[in-house]
Amino acid sequence: MTDVRKIYPRDRVVLREVGLRDGLQLVKTFPPTDAKRRWIRDEYAAGVRHFEVGSFLPAKTFPQFVDVREIVATVGSLPGGHGIALVLNERGANEALASGVAEIATVVSATEEHSRANANRSRESAIANVKRLCELRDASAHKPIVNAAISMALGCSIAGAVDPKEVIRLVEKCFEAGVDAVGIADTVGYAGPKAVGALTGAAVKIASGKPIIVHLHDTRGMGIANASAALDEGARVLDGSLGGLGGCPFAPGATGNVVVEDLVFLCESKGFATGIDIDRLIAVRSILRETMPNEPLYGGLARAGLPCGTAAKAA
């Protein structure tokens, strides 16, 4: 079994590029396979090692992920490259296991209302799905990491406010089911730093050293402030996307994920070495402009550049 501590060490921050999956889930146009490969290789050259590569979903409904197996292989061919793929059911899990992807992610909704509307199942059924995924992992040859993300963990587009104690109960249930890591997601960008920090701290405390992944959206401009609060409370794994690509169908007007380039700057400014060269990372945006010219790109670093005298290369 893959040692999760080697993939997500507690002594440094890991930034995960989720643009290839979360960033592409709603776009009208998307990069061809060769451009995705360039995107990965160029970010890898900049220092990025963790890539959410796509979803094992029906190709007819999600054509942007029809090449997910090729993208899994691209990341897997890079020394130290770590691929993550999303699955929502047993069919997808079996396909992901067959692909050899290093990590499989799945989702549990924080509220019953969202779980019923989004996945047509109860939260307890979703936990049972997580347990089954862990059983499939244990029976597989290469035994990938399994993580479960709690969506709508900081506010629900259907139910509104979410009780943090209920989120922590679900985090505990996921660990009991056998996952290696749990994510807490502000899926629709409802929260501010106080709420993000408090929930992150509580989740880190019960994780007993296992990774807590913090997935933030910048819907209301709180993404970087929330990431800073999560870091202060012990989070060491953060998601972001190149140019802030992404968005959620449940959050009208959403601007997408936290910009990964800005996350690098935040982490370095707080004393967390990322190993990522910001200027080289920003340069990868040219692939998005070339292949998705109508998709808006965000980011303070790309707009204003590094402060005078600041080294682009991470320490």
C-alpha atoms as a PDB file:
ATOM      1  CA  MET A   1       0.000   0.000   0.000  1.00  0.00           C
ATOM      2  CA  THR A   2       1.209   3.527  -0.787  1.00  0.00           C
ATOM      3  CA  ASP A   3       2.554   5.243   2.316  1.00  0.00           C
ATOM      4  CA  VAL A   4       0.392   8.342   2.650  1.00  0.00           C
ATOM      5  CA  ARG A   5       3.040   9.998   4.838  1.00  0.00           C
ATOM      6  CA  LYS A   6       5.486   9.993   1.928  1.00  0.00           C
ATOM      7  CA  ILE A   7       2.940  11.534  -0.429  1.00  0.00           C
ATOM      8  CA  TYR A   8       1.652  14.060   2.119  1.00  0.00           C
ATOM      9  CA  PRO A   9       4.467  14.644   4.652  1.00  0.00           C
ATOM     10  CA  ARG A  10       3.492  16.628   7.726  1.00  0.00           C
ATOM     11  CA  ASP A  11       6.678  18.711   7.699  1.00  0.00           C
ATOM     12  CA  ARG A  12       5.882  20.676   4.543  1.00  0.00           C
ATOM     13  CA  VAL A  13       2.987  22.099   2.555  1.00  0.00           C
ATOM     14  CA  VAL A  14       1.657  20.245  -0.488  1.00  0.00           C
ATOM     15  CA  LEU A  15      -0.234  22.208  -3.138  1.00  0.00           C
ATOM     16  CA  ARG A  16      -2.412  20.147  -5.461  1.00  0.00           C
ATOM     17  CA  GLU A  17      -3.314  21.272  -8.987  1.00  0.00           C
ATOM     18  CA  VAL A  18      -7.020  20.514  -9.415  1.00  0.00           C
ATOM     19  CA  GLY A  19      -7.545  22.448 -12.638  1.00  0.00           C
ATOM     20  CA  LEU A  20      -7.480  19.353 -14.832  1.00  0.00           C
ATOM     21  CA  ARG A  21     -10.565  18.003 -13.030  1.00  0.00           C
ATOM     22  CA  ASP A  22     -12.439  20.570 -10.957  1.00  0.00           C
ATOM     23  CA  GLY A  23     -11.264  23.347 -13.240  1.00  0.00           C
ATOM     24  CA  LEU A  24     -12.633  21.654 -16.356  1.00  0.00           C
ATOM     25  CA  GLN A  25     -15.904  20.264 -15.041  1.00  0.00           C
ATOM     26  CA  LEU A  26     -18.042  23.140 -16.332  1.00  0.00           C
ATOM     27  CA  VAL A  27     -16.075  24.662 -19.219  1.00  0.00           C
ATOM     28  CA  LYS A  28     -17.610  24.854 -22.677  1.00  0.00           C
ATOM     29  CA  THR A  29     -14.279  24.185 -24.368  1.00  0.00           C
ATOM     30  CA  PHE A  30     -11.367  22.230 -22.960  1.00  0.00           C
ATOM     31  CA  PRO A  31      -7.772  21.451 -23.895  1.00  0.00           C
ATOM     32  CA  PRO A  32      -7.044  18.453 -26.125  1.00  0.00           C
ATOM     33  CA  THR A  33      -5.022  15.611 -24.659  1.00  0.00           C
ATOM     34  CA  ASP A  34      -1.682  16.870 -25.974  1.00  0.00           C
ATOM     35  CA  ALA A  35      -2.280  20.277 -24.382  1.00  0.00           C
ATOM     36  CA  LYS A  36      -3.190  18.634 -21.071  1.00  0.00           C
ATOM     37  CA  ARG A  37       0.094  16.727 -21.230  1.00  0.00           C
ATOM     38  CA  ARG A  38       1.986  19.978 -21.832  1.00  0.00           C
ATOM     39  CA  TRP A  39       0.093  21.572 -18.937  1.00  0.00           C
ATOM     40  CA  ILE A  40       1.197  18.761 -16.615  1.00  0.00           C
ATOM     41  CA  ARG A  41       4.786  18.610 -17.829  1.00  0.00           C
ATOM     42  CA  ASP A  42       5.261  22.371 -17.677  1.00  0.00           C
ATOM     43  CA  GLU A  43       3.803  22.578 -14.161  1.00  0.00           C
ATOM     44  CA  TYR A  44       5.945  19.616 -13.160  1.00  0.00           C
ATOM     45  CA  ALA A  45       9.009  21.504 -14.448  1.00  0.00           C
ATOM     46  CA  ALA A  46       7.896  24.438 -12.248  1.00  0.00           C
ATOM     47  CA  GLY A  47       7.836  22.148  -9.209  1.00  0.00           C
ATOM     48  CA  VAL A  48       4.213  20.932  -8.982  1.00  0.00           C
ATOM     49  CA  ARG A  49       3.946  17.220  -8.120  1.00  0.00           C
ATOM     50  CA  HIS A  50       0.272  16.578  -7.254  1.00  0.00           C
ATOM     51  CA  PHE A  51      -2.351  16.655 -10.025  1.00  0.00           C
ATOM     52  CA  GLU A  52      -6.068  15.916  -9.919  1.00  0.00           C
ATOM     53  CA  VAL A  53      -6.228  14.401 -13.394  1.00  0.00           C
ATOM     54  CA  GLY A  54      -9.956  13.988 -14.046  1.00  0.00           C
ATOM     55  CA  SER A  55     -13.021  11.916 -13.235  1.00  0.00           C
ATOM     56  CA  PHE A  56     -14.088   8.408 -14.139  1.00  0.00           C
ATOM     57  CA  LEU A  57     -17.533   9.491 -15.293  1.00  0.00           C
ATOM     58  CA  PRO A  58     -19.525   8.610 -18.440  1.00  0.00           C
ATOM     59  CA  ALA A  59     -17.660  10.030 -21.432  1.00  0.00           C
ATOM     60  CA  LYS A  60     -20.924  10.937 -23.168  1.00  0.00           C
ATOM     61  CA  THR A  61     -21.823  13.296 -20.320  1.00  0.00           C
ATOM     62  CA  PHE A  62     -18.303  14.497 -19.502  1.00  0.00           C
ATOM     63  CA  PRO A  63     -16.254  14.458 -22.738  1.00  0.00           C
ATOM     64  CA  GLN A  64     -13.539  16.570 -21.099  1.00  0.00           C
ATOM     65  CA  PHE A  65     -12.503  13.461 -19.154  1.00  0.00           C
ATOM     66  CA  VAL A  66     -12.613  10.899 -21.941  1.00  0.00           C
ATOM     67  CA  ASP A  67      -8.786  10.857 -21.922  1.00  0.00           C
ATOM     68  CA  VAL A  68      -8.445  10.416 -18.149  1.00  0.00           C
ATOM     69  CA  ARG A  69      -6.487   7.160 -18.515  1.00  0.00           C
ATOM     70  CA  GLU A  70      -3.922   8.840 -20.768  1.00  0.00           C
ATOM     71  CA  ILE A  71      -3.595  11.714 -18.285  1.00  0.00           C
ATOM     72  CA  VAL A  72      -3.158   9.244 -15.403  1.00  0.00           C
ATOM     73  CA  ALA A  73      -0.334   7.651 -17.379  1.00  0.00           C
ATOM     74  CA  THR A  74       1.273  11.028 -18.115  1.00  0.00           C
ATOM     75  CA  VAL A  75       1.489  11.950 -14.442  1.00  0.00           C
ATOM     76  CA  GLY A  76       2.604   8.445 -13.513  1.00  0.00           C
ATOM     77  CA  SER A  77       5.510   8.656 -15.963  1.00  0.00           C
ATOM     78  CA  LEU A  78       7.016  11.649 -14.138  1.00  0.00           C
ATOM     79  CA  PRO A  79       9.361  10.816 -11.218  1.00  0.00           C
ATOM     80  CA  GLY A  80       7.524  11.800  -8.038  1.00  0.00           C
ATOM     81  CA  GLY A  81       4.387  12.740  -9.969  1.00  0.00           C
ATOM     82  CA  HIS A  82       1.189  11.928  -8.081  1.00  0.00           C
ATOM     83  CA  GLY A  83      -2.170  11.619  -9.845  1.00  0.00           C
ATOM     84  CA  ILE A  84      -5.604  11.851  -8.214  1.00  0.00           C
ATOM     85  CA  ALA A  85      -8.868  10.826  -9.901  1.00  0.00           C
ATOM     86  CA  LEU A  86     -12.458  11.361  -8.778  1.00  0.00           C
ATOM     87  CA  VAL A  87     -14.961   8.498  -8.650  1.00  0.00           C
ATOM     88  CA  LEU A  88     -18.605   8.570  -7.599  1.00  0.00           C
ATOM     89  CA  ASN A  89     -19.638   4.914  -7.768  1.00  0.00           C
ATOM     90  CA  GLU A  90     -18.305   1.366  -7.886  1.00  0.00           C
ATOM     91  CA  ARG A  91     -18.074   1.325 -11.669  1.00  0.00           C
ATOM     92  CA  GLY A  92     -15.874   4.391 -11.623  1.00  0.00           C
ATOM     93  CA  ALA A  93     -13.829   2.970  -8.757  1.00  0.00           C
ATOM     94  CA  ASN A  94     -13.079  -0.212 -10.685  1.00  0.00           C
ATOM     95  CA  GLU A  95     -12.054   1.800 -13.740  1.00  0.00           C
ATOM     96  CA  ALA A  96      -9.806   3.999 -11.613  1.00  0.00           C
ATOM     97  CA  LEU A  97      -8.183   0.981  -9.981  1.00  0.00           C
ATOM     98  CA  ALA A  98      -7.546  -0.552 -13.393  1.00  0.00           C
ATOM     99  CA  SER A  99      -5.889   2.686 -14.558  1.00  0.00           C
ATOM    100  CA  GLY A 100      -3.218   2.480 -11.867  1.00  0.00           C
ATOM    101  CA  VAL A 101      -3.889   5.998 -10.597  1.00  0.00           C
ATOM    102  CA  ALA A 102      -2.011   6.737  -7.377  1.00  0.00           C
ATOM    103  CA  GLU A 103      -4.968   8.224  -5.482  1.00  0.00           C
ATOM    104  CA  ILE A 104      -8.728   7.885  -5.738  1.00  0.00           C
ATOM    105  CA  ALA A 105     -11.035  10.596  -4.409  1.00  0.00           C
ATOM    106  CA  THR A 106     -14.735  10.449  -3.671  1.00  0.00           C
ATOM    107  CA  VAL A 107     -17.289  12.819  -2.139  1.00  0.00           C
ATOM    108  CA  VAL A 108     -19.672  12.888   0.824  1.00  0.00           C
ATOM    109  CA  SER A 109     -22.069  15.833   1.163  1.00  0.00           C
ATOM    110  CA  ALA A 110     -22.140  17.680   4.465  1.00  0.00           C
ATOM    111  CA  THR A 111     -25.933  18.028   4.344  1.00  0.00           C
ATOM    112  CA  GLU A 112     -28.664  15.530   3.680  1.00  0.00           C
ATOM    113  CA  GLU A 113     -30.396  17.968   1.331  1.00  0.00           C
ATOM    114  CA  HIS A 114     -27.363  18.367  -0.916  1.00  0.00           C
ATOM    115  CA  SER A 115     -26.590  14.646  -0.855  1.00  0.00           C
ATOM    116  CA  ARG A 116     -30.096  13.808  -2.063  1.00  0.00           C
ATOM    117  CA  ALA A 117     -30.105  16.527  -4.732  1.00  0.00           C
ATOM    118  CA  ASN A 118     -26.569  15.980  -6.017  1.00  0.00           C
ATOM    119  CA  ALA A 119     -26.089  12.214  -5.739  1.00  0.00           C
ATOM    120  CA  ASN A 120     -29.611  10.909  -5.117  1.00  0.00           C
ATOM    121  CA  ARG A 121     -28.520   9.123  -1.971  1.00  0.00           C
ATOM    122  CA  SER A 122     -28.386   9.669   1.778  1.00  0.00           C
ATOM    123  CA  ARG A 123     -25.206  10.614   3.568  1.00  0.00           C
ATOM    124  CA  GLU A 124     -25.142   7.211   5.262  1.00  0.00           C
ATOM    125  CA  SER A 125     -25.328   5.605   1.834  1.00  0.00           C
ATOM    126  CA  ALA A 126     -22.445   7.837   0.758  1.00  0.00           C
ATOM    127  CA  ILE A 127     -20.383   6.643   3.750  1.00  0.00           C
ATOM    128  CA  ALA A 128     -21.192   3.047   2.778  1.00  0.00           C
ATOM    129  CA  ASN A 129     -19.918   3.913  -0.710  1.00  0.00           C
ATOM    130  CA  VAL A 130     -16.669   5.178   0.850  1.00  0.00           C
ATOM    131  CA  LYS A 131     -16.301   1.942   2.818  1.00  0.00           C
ATOM    132  CA  ARG A 132     -16.857  -0.112  -0.329  1.00  0.00           C
ATOM    133  CA  LEU A 133     -14.217   1.933  -2.156  1.00  0.00           C
ATOM    134  CA  CYS A 134     -11.744   1.164   0.641  1.00  0.00           C
ATOM    135  CA  GLU A 135     -12.592  -2.543   0.370  1.00  0.00           C
ATOM    136  CA  LEU A 136     -11.930  -2.436  -3.370  1.00  0.00           C
ATOM    137  CA  ARG A 137      -8.622  -0.682  -2.706  1.00  0.00           C
ATOM    138  CA  ASP A 138      -7.599  -3.344  -0.196  1.00  0.00           C
ATOM    139  CA  ALA A 139      -8.364  -6.087  -2.703  1.00  0.00           C
ATOM    140  CA  SER A 140      -6.488  -4.391  -5.548  1.00  0.00           C
ATOM    141  CA  ALA A 141      -2.924  -5.029  -6.650  1.00  0.00           C
ATOM    142  CA  HIS A 142      -1.408  -1.571  -6.204  1.00  0.00           C
ATOM    143  CA  LYS A 143      -3.595  -0.239  -3.362  1.00  0.00           C
ATOM    144  CA  PRO A 144      -3.856   3.487  -4.094  1.00  0.00           C
ATOM    145  CA  ILE A 145      -4.479   6.171  -1.516  1.00  0.00           C
ATOM    146  CA  VAL A 146      -8.185   6.861  -0.938  1.00  0.00           C
ATOM    147  CA  ASN A 147      -9.492  10.235   0.153  1.00  0.00           C
ATOM    148  CA  ALA A 148     -13.038  11.377   0.841  1.00  0.00           C
ATOM    149  CA  ALA A 149     -13.949  15.041   0.532  1.00  0.00           C
ATOM    150  CA  ILE A 150     -16.768  16.539   2.583  1.00  0.00           C
ATOM    151  CA  SER A 151     -18.471  18.888   0.122  1.00  0.00           C
ATOM    152  CA  MET A 152     -20.477  21.898   1.299  1.00  0.00           C
ATOM    153  CA  ALA A 153     -18.561  21.619   4.579  1.00  0.00           C
ATOM    154  CA  LEU A 154     -18.684  25.357   5.279  1.00  0.00           C
ATOM    155  CA  GLY A 155     -22.085  26.239   3.906  1.00  0.00           C
ATOM    156  CA  CYS A 156     -24.610  24.562   1.647  1.00  0.00           C
ATOM    157  CA  SER A 157     -26.283  26.083  -1.406  1.00  0.00           C
ATOM    158  CA  ILE A 158     -29.485  24.201  -0.521  1.00  0.00           C
ATOM    159  CA  ALA A 159     -29.585  23.965   3.279  1.00  0.00           C
ATOM    160  CA  GLY A 160     -27.659  27.131   4.112  1.00  0.00           C
ATOM    161  CA  ALA A 161     -25.616  27.081   7.307  1.00  0.00           C
ATOM    162  CA  VAL A 162     -23.835  23.817   8.188  1.00  0.00           C
ATOM    163  CA  ASP A 163     -23.162  22.670  11.757  1.00  0.00           C
ATOM    164  CA  PRO A 164     -19.369  22.150  12.122  1.00  0.00           C
ATOM    165  CA  LYS A 165     -20.027  19.305  14.572  1.00  0.00           C
ATOM    166  CA  GLU A 166     -21.893  17.466  11.827  1.00  0.00           C
ATOM    167  CA  VAL A 167     -18.949  17.905   9.466  1.00  0.00           C
ATOM    168  CA  ILE A 168     -16.560  16.530  12.087  1.00  0.00           C
ATOM    169  CA  ARG A 169     -18.881  13.558  12.584  1.00  0.00           C
ATOM    170  CA  LEU A 170     -18.618  12.839   8.862  1.00  0.00           C
ATOM    171  CA  VAL A 171     -14.831  13.240   8.953  1.00  0.00           C
ATOM    172  CA  GLU A 172     -14.712  10.632  11.736  1.00  0.00           C
ATOM    173  CA  LYS A 173     -17.043   8.325   9.773  1.00  0.00           C
ATOM    174  CA  CYS A 174     -14.798   8.546   6.712  1.00  0.00           C
ATOM    175  CA  PHE A 175     -11.693   7.662   8.699  1.00  0.00           C
ATOM    176  CA  GLU A 176     -13.580   4.791  10.322  1.00  0.00           C
ATOM    177  CA  ALA A 177     -14.507   3.582   6.827  1.00  0.00           C
ATOM    178  CA  GLY A 178     -10.812   3.263   6.028  1.00  0.00           C
ATOM    179  CA  VAL A 179      -9.773   6.344   4.042  1.00  0.00           C
ATOM    180  CA  ASP A 180      -6.203   7.599   4.130  1.00  0.00           C
ATOM    181  CA  ALA A 181      -7.118  11.293   3.978  1.00  0.00           C
ATOM    182  CA  VAL A 182     -10.175  13.526   4.298  1.00  0.00           C
ATOM    183  CA  GLY A 183     -10.888  16.790   2.522  1.00  0.00           C
ATOM    184  CA  ILE A 184     -13.026  19.635   3.777  1.00  0.00           C
ATOM    185  CA  ALA A 185     -14.428  21.724   0.951  1.00  0.00           C
ATOM    186  CA  ASP A 186     -15.957  25.188   0.914  1.00  0.00           C
ATOM    187  CA  THR A 187     -17.617  24.137  -2.326  1.00  0.00           C
ATOM    188  CA  VAL A 188     -19.599  27.317  -2.907  1.00  0.00           C
ATOM    189  CA  GLY A 189     -17.275  29.801  -1.215  1.00  0.00           C
ATOM    190  CA  TYR A 190     -19.550  30.728   1.685  1.00  0.00           C
ATOM    191  CA  ALA A 191     -17.062  30.938   4.551  1.00  0.00           C
ATOM    192  CA  GLY A 192     -14.551  33.396   5.962  1.00  0.00           C
ATOM    193  CA  PRO A 193     -11.240  32.790   7.749  1.00  0.00           C
ATOM    194  CA  LYS A 194     -12.711  32.344  11.238  1.00  0.00           C
ATOM    195  CA  ALA A 195     -14.986  29.476  10.189  1.00  0.00           C
ATOM    196  CA  VAL A 196     -12.358  27.865   7.949  1.00  0.00           C
ATOM    197  CA  GLY A 197      -9.729  28.036  10.675  1.00  0.00           C
ATOM    198  CA  ALA A 198     -12.002  26.590  13.343  1.00  0.00           C
ATOM    199  CA  LEU A 199     -13.181  23.681  11.181  1.00  0.00           C
ATOM    200  CA  THR A 200      -9.665  22.947   9.938  1.00  0.00           C
ATOM    201  CA  GLY A 201      -8.284  22.896  13.470  1.00  0.00           C
ATOM    202  CA  ALA A 202     -10.998  20.517  14.657  1.00  0.00           C
ATOM    203  CA  ALA A 203     -10.466  18.201  11.674  1.00  0.00           C
ATOM    204  CA  VAL A 204      -6.679  18.170  12.077  1.00  0.00           C
ATOM    205  CA  LYS A 205      -7.071  17.303  15.750  1.00  0.00           C
ATOM    206  CA  ILE A 206      -9.146  14.171  15.123  1.00  0.00           C
ATOM    207  CA  ALA A 207      -7.117  13.076  12.070  1.00  0.00           C
ATOM    208  CA  SER A 208      -4.255  11.890  14.295  1.00  0.00           C
ATOM    209  CA  GLY A 209      -1.589  12.856  11.780  1.00  0.00           C
ATOM    210  CA  LYS A 210      -3.455  11.737   8.652  1.00  0.00           C
ATOM    211  CA  PRO A 211      -3.832  14.391   5.953  1.00  0.00           C
ATOM    212  CA  ILE A 212      -6.633  16.926   6.038  1.00  0.00           C
ATOM    213  CA  ILE A 213      -6.998  18.429   2.565  1.00  0.00           C
ATOM    214  CA  VAL A 214      -8.521  21.904   2.384  1.00  0.00           C
ATOM    215  CA  HIS A 215     -10.364  22.698  -0.845  1.00  0.00           C
ATOM    216  CA  LEU A 216     -11.460  26.309  -1.223  1.00  0.00           C
ATOM    217  CA  HIS A 217     -13.352  28.348  -3.792  1.00  0.00           C
ATOM    218  CA  ASP A 218     -12.894  32.073  -4.265  1.00  0.00           C
ATOM    219  CA  THR A 219     -16.564  32.820  -4.923  1.00  0.00           C
ATOM    220  CA  ARG A 220     -16.677  35.763  -2.527  1.00  0.00           C
ATOM    221  CA  GLY A 221     -13.016  36.746  -2.593  1.00  0.00           C
ATOM    222  CA  MET A 222     -12.089  34.926   0.618  1.00  0.00           C
ATOM    223  CA  GLY A 223      -9.982  32.155  -0.925  1.00  0.00           C
ATOM    224  CA  ILE A 224      -6.476  33.310   0.014  1.00  0.00           C
ATOM    225  CA  ALA A 225      -7.532  34.583   3.454  1.00  0.00           C
ATOM    226  CA  ASN A 226      -9.225  31.241   4.098  1.00  0.00           C
ATOM    227  CA  ALA A 227      -6.147  29.325   2.944  1.00  0.00           C
ATOM    228  CA  SER A 228      -4.009  31.356   5.334  1.00  0.00           C
ATOM    229  CA  ALA A 229      -6.370  30.526   8.198  1.00  0.00           C
ATOM    230  CA  ALA A 230      -6.242  26.820   7.281  1.00  0.00           C
ATOM    231  CA  LEU A 231      -2.447  26.858   7.308  1.00  0.00           C
ATOM    232  CA  ASP A 232      -2.458  28.542  10.718  1.00  0.00           C
ATOM    233  CA  GLU A 233      -4.639  25.722  12.068  1.00  0.00           C
ATOM    234  CA  GLY A 234      -2.418  22.907  10.850  1.00  0.00           C
ATOM    235  CA  ALA A 235      -3.552  22.141   7.300  1.00  0.00           C
ATOM    236  CA  ARG A 236      -0.636  21.076   5.122  1.00  0.00           C
ATOM    237  CA  VAL A 237      -2.476  20.094   1.922  1.00  0.00           C
ATOM    238  CA  LEU A 238      -4.280  22.765  -0.119  1.00  0.00           C
ATOM    239  CA  ASP A 239      -6.047  22.579  -3.474  1.00  0.00           C
ATOM    240  CA  GLY A 240      -5.854  25.248  -6.152  1.00  0.00           C
ATOM    241  CA  SER A 241      -6.147  25.577  -9.916  1.00  0.00           C
ATOM    242  CA  LEU A 242      -4.086  27.356 -12.510  1.00  0.00           C
ATOM    243  CA  GLY A 243      -5.664  30.722 -13.244  1.00  0.00           C
ATOM    244  CA  GLY A 244      -8.467  29.969 -10.773  1.00  0.00           C
ATOM    245  CA  LEU A 245     -10.231  27.726 -13.280  1.00  0.00           C
ATOM    246  CA  GLY A 246     -13.370  26.059 -12.057  1.00  0.00           C
ATOM    247  CA  GLY A 247     -16.746  26.735 -10.590  1.00  0.00           C
ATOM    248  CA  CYS A 248     -19.633  24.914  -9.065  1.00  0.00           C
ATOM    249  CA  PRO A 249     -23.076  24.449 -10.643  1.00  0.00           C
ATOM    250  CA  PHE A 250     -24.578  25.201  -7.216  1.00  0.00           C
ATOM    251  CA  ALA A 251     -22.841  28.594  -6.916  1.00  0.00           C
ATOM    252  CA  PRO A 252     -24.062  31.045  -9.576  1.00  0.00           C
ATOM    253  CA  GLY A 253     -21.390  33.614 -10.413  1.00  0.00           C
ATOM    254  CA  ALA A 254     -18.612  31.553  -8.840  1.00  0.00           C
ATOM    255  CA  THR A 255     -15.119  32.518  -9.933  1.00  0.00           C
ATOM    256  CA  GLY A 256     -13.687  29.053  -9.424  1.00  0.00           C
ATOM    257  CA  ASN A 257     -10.997  27.518  -7.261  1.00  0.00           C
ATOM    258  CA  VAL A 258      -8.344  29.411  -5.380  1.00  0.00           C
ATOM    259  CA  VAL A 259      -5.601  30.445  -7.814  1.00  0.00           C
ATOM    260  CA  VAL A 260      -2.710  28.043  -7.309  1.00  0.00           C
ATOM    261  CA  GLU A 261      -0.117  30.658  -8.302  1.00  0.00           C
ATOM    262  CA  ASP A 262      -1.370  32.919  -5.506  1.00  0.00           C
ATOM    263  CA  LEU A 263      -1.375  29.982  -3.090  1.00  0.00           C
ATOM    264  CA  VAL A 264       2.338  29.470  -3.779  1.00  0.00           C
ATOM    265  CA  PHE A 265       3.018  33.115  -2.930  1.00  0.00           C
ATOM    266  CA  LEU A 266       0.909  32.882   0.228  1.00  0.00           C
ATOM    267  CA  CYS A 267       2.719  29.783   1.453  1.00  0.00           C
ATOM    268  CA  GLU A 268       6.177  31.169   0.720  1.00  0.00           C
ATOM    269  CA  SER A 269       5.288  34.467   2.425  1.00  0.00           C
ATOM    270  CA  LYS A 270       4.270  32.500   5.539  1.00  0.00           C
ATOM    271  CA  GLY A 271       7.536  30.554   5.593  1.00  0.00           C
ATOM    272  CA  PHE A 272       6.287  27.310   4.016  1.00  0.00           C
ATOM    273  CA  ALA A 273       8.603  26.168   1.236  1.00  0.00           C
ATOM    274  CA  THR A 274       6.653  24.745  -1.711  1.00  0.00           C
ATOM    275  CA  GLY A 275       9.447  23.947  -4.147  1.00  0.00           C
ATOM    276  CA  ILE A 276       7.461  25.709  -6.883  1.00  0.00           C
ATOM    277  CA  ASP A 277       8.862  28.429  -9.159  1.00  0.00           C
ATOM    278  CA  ILE A 278       6.089  31.033  -9.399  1.00  0.00           C
ATOM    279  CA  ASP A 279       7.230  32.636 -12.655  1.00  0.00           C
ATOM    280  CA  ARG A 280       7.449  29.264 -14.405  1.00  0.00           C
ATOM    281  CA  LEU A 281       4.041  28.340 -13.021  1.00  0.00           C
ATOM    282  CA  ILE A 282       2.458  31.560 -14.294  1.00  0.00           C
ATOM    283  CA  ALA A 283       3.946  30.897 -17.743  1.00  0.00           C
ATOM    284  CA  VAL A 284       1.847  27.711 -18.016  1.00  0.00           C
ATOM    285  CA  ARG A 285      -1.254  29.921 -18.299  1.00  0.00           C
ATOM    286  CA  SER A 286      -0.332  30.414 -21.976  1.00  0.00           C
ATOM    287  CA  ILE A 287      -1.632  26.872 -22.622  1.00  0.00           C
ATOM    288  CA  LEU A 288      -5.024  27.825 -21.180  1.00  0.00           C
ATOM    289  CA  ARG A 289      -5.180  31.055 -23.177  1.00  0.00           C
ATOM    290  CA  GLU A 290      -4.323  29.118 -26.333  1.00  0.00           C
ATOM    291  CA  THR A 291      -6.818  26.275 -25.865  1.00  0.00           C
ATOM    292  CA  MET A 292      -9.618  27.997 -23.908  1.00  0.00           C
ATOM    293  CA  PRO A 293      -9.491  31.633 -25.070  1.00  0.00           C
ATOM    294  CA  ASN A 294     -12.968  32.453 -23.753  1.00  0.00           C
ATOM    295  CA  GLU A 295     -12.406  31.168 -20.216  1.00  0.00           C
ATOM    296  CA  PRO A 296     -11.568  33.947 -17.731  1.00  0.00           C
ATOM    297  CA  LEU A 297      -8.326  33.529 -15.794  1.00  0.00           C
ATOM    298  CA  TYR A 298      -7.746  35.065 -12.377  1.00  0.00           C
ATOM    299  CA  GLY A 299      -4.817  35.731 -10.086  1.00  0.00           C
ATOM    300  CA  GLY A 300      -3.009  38.598  -8.429  1.00  0.00           C
ATOM    301  CA  LEU A 301       0.508  37.310  -9.131  1.00  0.00           C
ATOM    302  CA  ALA A 302      -0.167  36.892 -12.839  1.00  0.00           C
ATOM    303  CA  ARG A 303      -1.560  40.437 -12.974  1.00  0.00           C
ATOM    304  CA  ALA A 304       0.934  42.308 -10.822  1.00  0.00           C
ATOM    305  CA  GLY A 305       4.011  40.068 -10.694  1.00  0.00           C
ATOM    306  CA  LEU A 306       6.229  39.335  -7.742  1.00  0.00           C
ATOM    307  CA  PRO A 307       7.215  42.234  -5.464  1.00  0.00           C
ATOM    308  CA  CYS A 308      10.485  43.900  -6.397  1.00  0.00           C
ATOM    309  CA  GLY A 309      13.399  41.937  -5.013  1.00  0.00           C
ATOM    310  CA  THR A 310      11.418  38.744  -4.446  1.00  0.00           C
ATOM    311  CA  ALA A 311      12.958  35.603  -5.878  1.00  0.00           C
ATOM    312  CA  ALA A 312      10.658  33.680  -8.204  1.00  0.00           C
ATOM    313  CA  LYS A 313      12.193  30.355  -7.311  1.00  0.00           C
ATOM    314  CA  ALA A 314      10.868  28.821  -4.118  1.00  0.00           C
ATOM    315  CA  ALA A 315      13.382  28.249  -1.350  1.00  0.00           C
END
